Structures are given as C-alpha cells and as structure tokens.
PDB file of N, CA and C in Angstrom:
ATOM      1  N   MET A   1     149.944 168.846 135.057  1.00  0.00           N
ATOM      2  CA  MET A   1     149.567 169.991 135.782  1.00  0.00           C
ATOM      3  C   MET A   1     148.062 170.590 135.464  1.00  0.00           C
ATOM      4  N   MET A   2     147.685 170.810 137.045  1.00  0.00           N
ATOM      5  CA  MET A   2     146.054 171.196 136.425  1.00  0.00           C
ATOM      6  C   MET A   2     145.933 172.623 136.912  1.00  0.00           C
ATOM      7  N   ASP A   3     145.244 173.267 136.483  1.00  0.00           N
ATOM      8  CA  ASP A   3     145.210 174.769 136.693  1.00  0.00           C
ATOM      9  C   ASP A   3     143.487 175.400 137.319  1.00  0.00           C
ATOM     10  N   VAL A   4     143.368 175.469 138.101  1.00  0.00           N
ATOM     11  CA  VAL A   4     141.946 175.859 138.835  1.00  0.00           C
ATOM     12  C   VAL A   4     141.747 176.927 139.320  1.00  0.00           C
ATOM     13  N   SER A   5     142.638 178.257 138.630  1.00  0.00           N
ATOM     14  CA  SER A   5     142.587 179.481 138.886  1.00  0.00           C
ATOM     15  C   SER A   5     141.536 180.268 138.500  1.00  0.00           C
ATOM     16  N   GLY A   6     141.287 179.693 137.029  1.00  0.00           N
ATOM     17  CA  GLY A   6     139.854 180.597 136.744  1.00  0.00           C
ATOM     18  C   GLY A   6     140.394 181.682 135.566  1.00  0.00           C
ATOM     19  N   LYS A   7     142.077 181.189 135.427  1.00  0.00           N
ATOM     20  CA  LYS A   7     142.327 181.996 133.845  1.00  0.00           C
ATOM     21  C   LYS A   7     141.707 181.271 132.810  1.00  0.00           C
ATOM     22  N   LYS A   8     141.769 182.176 131.720  1.00  0.00           N
ATOM     23  CA  LYS A   8     140.985 181.734 130.429  1.00  0.00           C
ATOM     24  C   LYS A   8     141.658 180.725 130.260  1.00  0.00           C
ATOM     25  N   LEU A   9     141.441 179.803 129.402  1.00  0.00           N
ATOM     26  CA  LEU A   9     141.974 178.586 128.736  1.00  0.00           C
ATOM     27  C   LEU A   9     143.180 178.480 127.758  1.00  0.00           C
ATOM     28  N   GLY A  10     143.028 180.247 126.797  1.00  0.00           N
ATOM     29  CA  GLY A  10     144.229 180.127 126.184  1.00  0.00           C
ATOM     30  C   GLY A  10     145.534 180.799 127.034  1.00  0.00           C
ATOM     31  N   LYS A  11     145.368 181.295 128.290  1.00  0.00           N
ATOM     32  CA  LYS A  11     146.523 181.748 128.866  1.00  0.00           C
ATOM     33  C   LYS A  11     146.607 180.687 129.903  1.00  0.00           C
ATOM     34  N   GLN A  12     145.945 179.648 130.096  1.00  0.00           N
ATOM     35  CA  GLN A  12     146.381 178.499 130.842  1.00  0.00           C
ATOM     36  C   GLN A  12     147.461 177.525 129.774  1.00  0.00           C
ATOM     37  N   PHE A  13     146.854 177.834 128.700  1.00  0.00           N
ATOM     38  CA  PHE A  13     147.404 176.793 127.624  1.00  0.00           C
ATOM     39  C   PHE A  13     149.157 177.366 127.169  1.00  0.00           C
ATOM     40  N   ASN A  14     148.954 178.821 127.503  1.00  0.00           N
ATOM     41  CA  ASN A  14     150.480 179.439 127.144  1.00  0.00           C
ATOM     42  C   ASN A  14     151.261 179.159 128.186  1.00  0.00           C
ATOM     43  N   GLU A  15     150.996 179.084 129.470  1.00  0.00           N
ATOM     44  CA  GLU A  15     151.692 178.812 130.933  1.00  0.00           C
ATOM     45  C   GLU A  15     152.190 177.287 130.679  1.00  0.00           C
ATOM     46  N   ALA A  16     151.142 176.339 130.266  1.00  0.00           N
ATOM     47  CA  ALA A  16     151.411 175.162 130.473  1.00  0.00           C
ATOM     48  C   ALA A  16     152.890 174.914 129.387  1.00  0.00           C
ATOM     49  N   PHE A  17     152.660 175.471 127.780  1.00  0.00           N
ATOM     50  CA  PHE A  17     153.954 175.625 126.885  1.00  0.00           C
ATOM     51  C   PHE A  17     154.871 176.086 127.489  1.00  0.00           C
ATOM     52  N   ARG A  18     155.225 176.816 128.478  1.00  0.00           N
ATOM     53  CA  ARG A  18     156.176 177.505 128.895  1.00  0.00           C
ATOM     54  C   ARG A  18     157.018 176.667 129.944  1.00  0.00           C
ATOM     55  N   TYR A  19     156.185 175.884 130.454  1.00  0.00           N
ATOM     56  CA  TYR A  19     156.754 174.874 131.142  1.00  0.00           C
ATOM     57  C   TYR A  19     157.198 173.740 130.310  1.00  0.00           C
ATOM     58  N   GLY A  20     157.107 173.383 128.893  1.00  0.00           N
ATOM     59  CA  GLY A  20     157.333 172.318 128.547  1.00  0.00           C
ATOM     60  C   GLY A  20     156.408 171.074 128.133  1.00  0.00           C
ATOM     61  N   ILE A  21     155.117 171.595 128.538  1.00  0.00           N
ATOM     62  CA  ILE A  21     153.993 170.635 128.885  1.00  0.00           C
ATOM     63  C   ILE A  21     153.937 171.013 126.854  1.00  0.00           C
ATOM     64  N   VAL A  22     153.547 169.492 126.340  1.00  0.00           N
ATOM     65  CA  VAL A  22     153.330 169.491 125.044  1.00  0.00           C
ATOM     66  C   VAL A  22     151.540 169.178 124.625  1.00  0.00           C
ATOM     67  N   PHE A  23     151.081 168.503 125.349  1.00  0.00           N
ATOM     68  CA  PHE A  23     149.782 168.252 125.598  1.00  0.00           C
ATOM     69  C   PHE A  23     148.942 168.447 126.682  1.00  0.00           C
ATOM     70  N   VAL A  24     147.698 169.004 126.054  1.00  0.00           N
ATOM     71  CA  VAL A  24     146.951 168.856 127.498  1.00  0.00           C
ATOM     72  C   VAL A  24     145.196 168.452 126.957  1.00  0.00           C
ATOM     73  N   VAL A  25     144.758 168.106 127.830  1.00  0.00           N
ATOM     74  CA  VAL A  25     143.555 167.660 127.910  1.00  0.00           C
ATOM     75  C   VAL A  25     142.216 168.466 128.735  1.00  0.00           C
ATOM     76  N   THR A  26     141.527 168.627 128.566  1.00  0.00           N
ATOM     77  CA  THR A  26     140.190 169.510 128.647  1.00  0.00           C
ATOM     78  C   THR A  26     139.216 168.845 129.341  1.00  0.00           C
ATOM     79  N   VAL A  27     138.763 168.741 130.369  1.00  0.00           N
ATOM     80  CA  VAL A  27     138.016 167.930 131.079  1.00  0.00           C
ATOM     81  C   VAL A  27     136.689 169.159 131.595  1.00  0.00           C
ATOM     82  N   GLY A  28     135.513 168.896 131.175  1.00  0.00           N
ATOM     83  CA  GLY A  28     134.304 169.592 131.921  1.00  0.00           C
ATOM     84  C   GLY A  28     133.097 168.703 131.715  1.00  0.00           C
ATOM     85  N   SER A  29     131.964 169.228 132.433  1.00  0.00           N
ATOM     86  CA  SER A  29     131.058 168.078 132.404  1.00  0.00           C
ATOM     87  C   SER A  29     130.346 167.483 131.030  1.00  0.00           C
ATOM     88  N   GLU A  30     130.673 168.520 129.950  1.00  0.00           N
ATOM     89  CA  GLU A  30     130.200 167.712 128.866  1.00  0.00           C
ATOM     90  C   GLU A  30     131.054 166.601 128.208  1.00  0.00           C
ATOM     91  N   GLU A  31     132.482 166.290 128.620  1.00  0.00           N
ATOM     92  CA  GLU A  31     133.214 165.617 128.330  1.00  0.00           C
ATOM     93  C   GLU A  31     132.798 164.369 129.489  1.00  0.00           C
ATOM     94  N   VAL A  32     133.011 164.338 130.502  1.00  0.00           N
ATOM     95  CA  VAL A  32     132.538 163.552 131.325  1.00  0.00           C
ATOM     96  C   VAL A  32     131.098 162.865 131.028  1.00  0.00           C
ATOM     97  N   ALA A  33     130.126 163.590 130.758  1.00  0.00           N
ATOM     98  CA  ALA A  33     129.121 162.674 130.209  1.00  0.00           C
ATOM     99  C   ALA A  33     128.947 161.830 129.137  1.00  0.00           C
ATOM    100  N   SER A  34     129.689 162.654 127.699  1.00  0.00           N
ATOM    101  CA  SER A  34     129.841 161.672 126.671  1.00  0.00           C
ATOM    102  C   SER A  34     131.009 160.667 126.396  1.00  0.00           C
ATOM    103  N   ASN A  35     132.290 160.925 127.580  1.00  0.00           N
ATOM    104  CA  ASN A  35     133.307 160.121 127.700  1.00  0.00           C
ATOM    105  C   ASN A  35     134.432 160.520 126.494  1.00  0.00           C
ATOM    106  N   LEU A  36     134.062 161.579 126.072  1.00  0.00           N
ATOM    107  CA  LEU A  36     134.809 162.232 124.727  1.00  0.00           C
ATOM    108  C   LEU A  36     135.811 163.400 125.438  1.00  0.00           C
ATOM    109  N   TYR A  37     137.167 163.020 125.258  1.00  0.00           N
ATOM    110  CA  TYR A  37     137.915 164.580 125.365  1.00  0.00           C
ATOM    111  C   TYR A  37     138.481 165.111 124.548  1.00  0.00           C
ATOM    112  N   ARG A  38     138.949 165.979 124.319  1.00  0.00           N
ATOM    113  CA  ARG A  38     139.854 166.671 123.755  1.00  0.00           C
ATOM    114  C   ARG A  38     141.352 167.097 123.824  1.00  0.00           C
ATOM    115  N   MET A  39     142.244 166.446 123.500  1.00  0.00           N
ATOM    116  CA  MET A  39     143.504 166.534 123.699  1.00  0.00           C
ATOM    117  C   MET A  39     144.227 167.469 122.591  1.00  0.00           C
ATOM    118  N   LYS A  40     144.800 168.786 123.090  1.00  0.00           N
ATOM    119  CA  LYS A  40     145.515 169.467 121.813  1.00  0.00           C
ATOM    120  C   LYS A  40     147.051 169.577 122.209  1.00  0.00           C
ATOM    121  N   ASN A  41     147.567 169.706 120.916  1.00  0.00           N
ATOM    122  CA  ASN A  41     149.189 169.575 120.835  1.00  0.00           C
ATOM    123  C   ASN A  41     149.480 170.776 120.631  1.00  0.00           C
ATOM    124  N   LEU A  42     150.255 171.534 122.358  1.00  0.00           N
ATOM    125  CA  LEU A  42     150.307 172.784 121.997  1.00  0.00           C
ATOM    126  C   LEU A  42     151.415 172.867 120.843  1.00  0.00           C
ATOM    127  N   THR A  43     152.622 172.458 120.839  1.00  0.00           N
ATOM    128  CA  THR A  43     153.295 172.548 119.367  1.00  0.00           C
ATOM    129  C   THR A  43     153.025 173.079 118.347  1.00  0.00           C
ATOM    130  N   ASP A  44     152.163 172.369 118.099  1.00  0.00           N
ATOM    131  CA  ASP A  44     151.377 172.436 116.410  1.00  0.00           C
ATOM    132  C   ASP A  44     150.039 172.643 116.319  1.00  0.00           C
ATOM    133  N   GLY A  45     149.178 172.826 117.483  1.00  0.00           N
ATOM    134  CA  GLY A  45     147.682 173.387 117.257  1.00  0.00           C
ATOM    135  C   GLY A  45     146.864 172.223 116.954  1.00  0.00           C
ATOM    136  N   THR A  46     146.921 170.865 116.586  1.00  0.00           N
ATOM    137  CA  THR A  46     146.221 170.246 116.179  1.00  0.00           C
ATOM    138  C   THR A  46     145.589 169.632 117.440  1.00  0.00           C
ATOM    139  N   VAL A  47     144.128 168.983 117.638  1.00  0.00           N
ATOM    140  CA  VAL A  47     143.203 168.627 118.174  1.00  0.00           C
ATOM    141  C   VAL A  47     142.973 167.323 118.475  1.00  0.00           C
ATOM    142  N   PHE A  48     142.826 166.405 118.886  1.00  0.00           N
ATOM    143  CA  PHE A  48     142.226 165.399 118.975  1.00  0.00           C
ATOM    144  C   PHE A  48     140.875 164.860 120.059  1.00  0.00           C
ATOM    145  N   THR A  49     139.924 164.110 119.524  1.00  0.00           N
ATOM    146  CA  THR A  49     139.161 163.852 120.269  1.00  0.00           C
ATOM    147  C   THR A  49     138.708 162.637 120.418  1.00  0.00           C
ATOM    148  N   GLY A  50     138.640 162.333 121.113  1.00  0.00           N
ATOM    149  CA  GLY A  50     138.534 160.649 121.848  1.00  0.00           C
ATOM    150  C   GLY A  50     138.270 159.858 123.315  1.00  0.00           C
ATOM    151  N   THR A  51     138.287 158.779 123.300  1.00  0.00           N
ATOM    152  CA  THR A  51     137.884 158.411 124.795  1.00  0.00           C
ATOM    153  C   THR A  51     139.315 158.250 125.825  1.00  0.00           C
ATOM    154  N   PRO A  52     139.195 158.219 126.547  1.00  0.00           N
ATOM    155  CA  PRO A  52     140.673 157.760 127.394  1.00  0.00           C
ATOM    156  C   PRO A  52     141.379 157.047 126.952  1.00  0.00           C
ATOM    157  N   GLU A  53     141.100 155.446 126.964  1.00  0.00           N
ATOM    158  CA  GLU A  53     141.928 155.006 126.144  1.00  0.00           C
ATOM    159  C   GLU A  53     142.592 155.021 124.741  1.00  0.00           C
ATOM    160  N   GLU A  54     141.694 155.968 123.902  1.00  0.00           N
ATOM    161  CA  GLU A  54     142.503 156.270 122.548  1.00  0.00           C
ATOM    162  C   GLU A  54     143.373 157.723 123.014  1.00  0.00           C
ATOM    163  N   ILE A  55     142.940 158.366 123.609  1.00  0.00           N
ATOM    164  CA  ILE A  55     144.032 159.518 123.920  1.00  0.00           C
ATOM    165  C   ILE A  55     145.326 158.918 124.602  1.00  0.00           C
ATOM    166  N   SER A  56     145.131 157.743 125.442  1.00  0.00           N
ATOM    167  CA  SER A  56     146.475 157.259 126.010  1.00  0.00           C
ATOM    168  C   SER A  56     147.053 156.487 124.763  1.00  0.00           C
ATOM    169  N   GLY A  57     146.570 156.020 124.086  1.00  0.00           N
ATOM    170  CA  GLY A  57     147.344 155.439 122.658  1.00  0.00           C
ATOM    171  C   GLY A  57     147.813 156.234 122.057  1.00  0.00           C
ATOM    172  N   LYS A  58     147.502 157.466 121.782  1.00  0.00           N
ATOM    173  CA  LYS A  58     147.946 158.434 121.296  1.00  0.00           C
ATOM    174  C   LYS A  58     149.238 158.855 121.770  1.00  0.00           C
ATOM    175  N   LEU A  59     149.785 158.736 123.146  1.00  0.00           N
ATOM    176  CA  LEU A  59     150.318 159.161 123.822  1.00  0.00           C
ATOM    177  C   LEU A  59     151.920 158.063 123.815  1.00  0.00           C
ATOM    178  N   LYS A  60     151.321 156.996 123.027  1.00  0.00           N
ATOM    179  CA  LYS A  60     152.501 156.012 123.357  1.00  0.00           C
ATOM    180  C   LYS A  60     153.161 156.197 122.058  1.00  0.00           C
TER     181      LYS A  60
END
C-alpha cells in the first residue's frame, strides 16, 4: 500500500494497521541518498534501519 495523500505519517500508519499491514517502510530523499530505510513493525512499534537487502532478510 502506498499513500501519497498528504496525510500525516501517524494517520497513514494507523490506516495501514487497520488494513492488517504489519510492516511499513518510509522512503524519502534522505533514505534514497543513504540507501538506508526504516521499517516499522506496527504491532509492537519496533523500528529497524537497514538497506533494502537487510530489510528483505528481516521479512523472511
């Protein structure tokens, strides 16, 4: 699910959780430049920062 509606992130995360989405990854210009992305677990609030490959490994 990708939300480009302009809603605040907290509201977007709440909506994603209501749809049963457990993990969200935020992507902005800083993340693209550094190749480090944040993945948040919506069930327990933990955040993992890593490369796309590291994030992919966490989901397996």
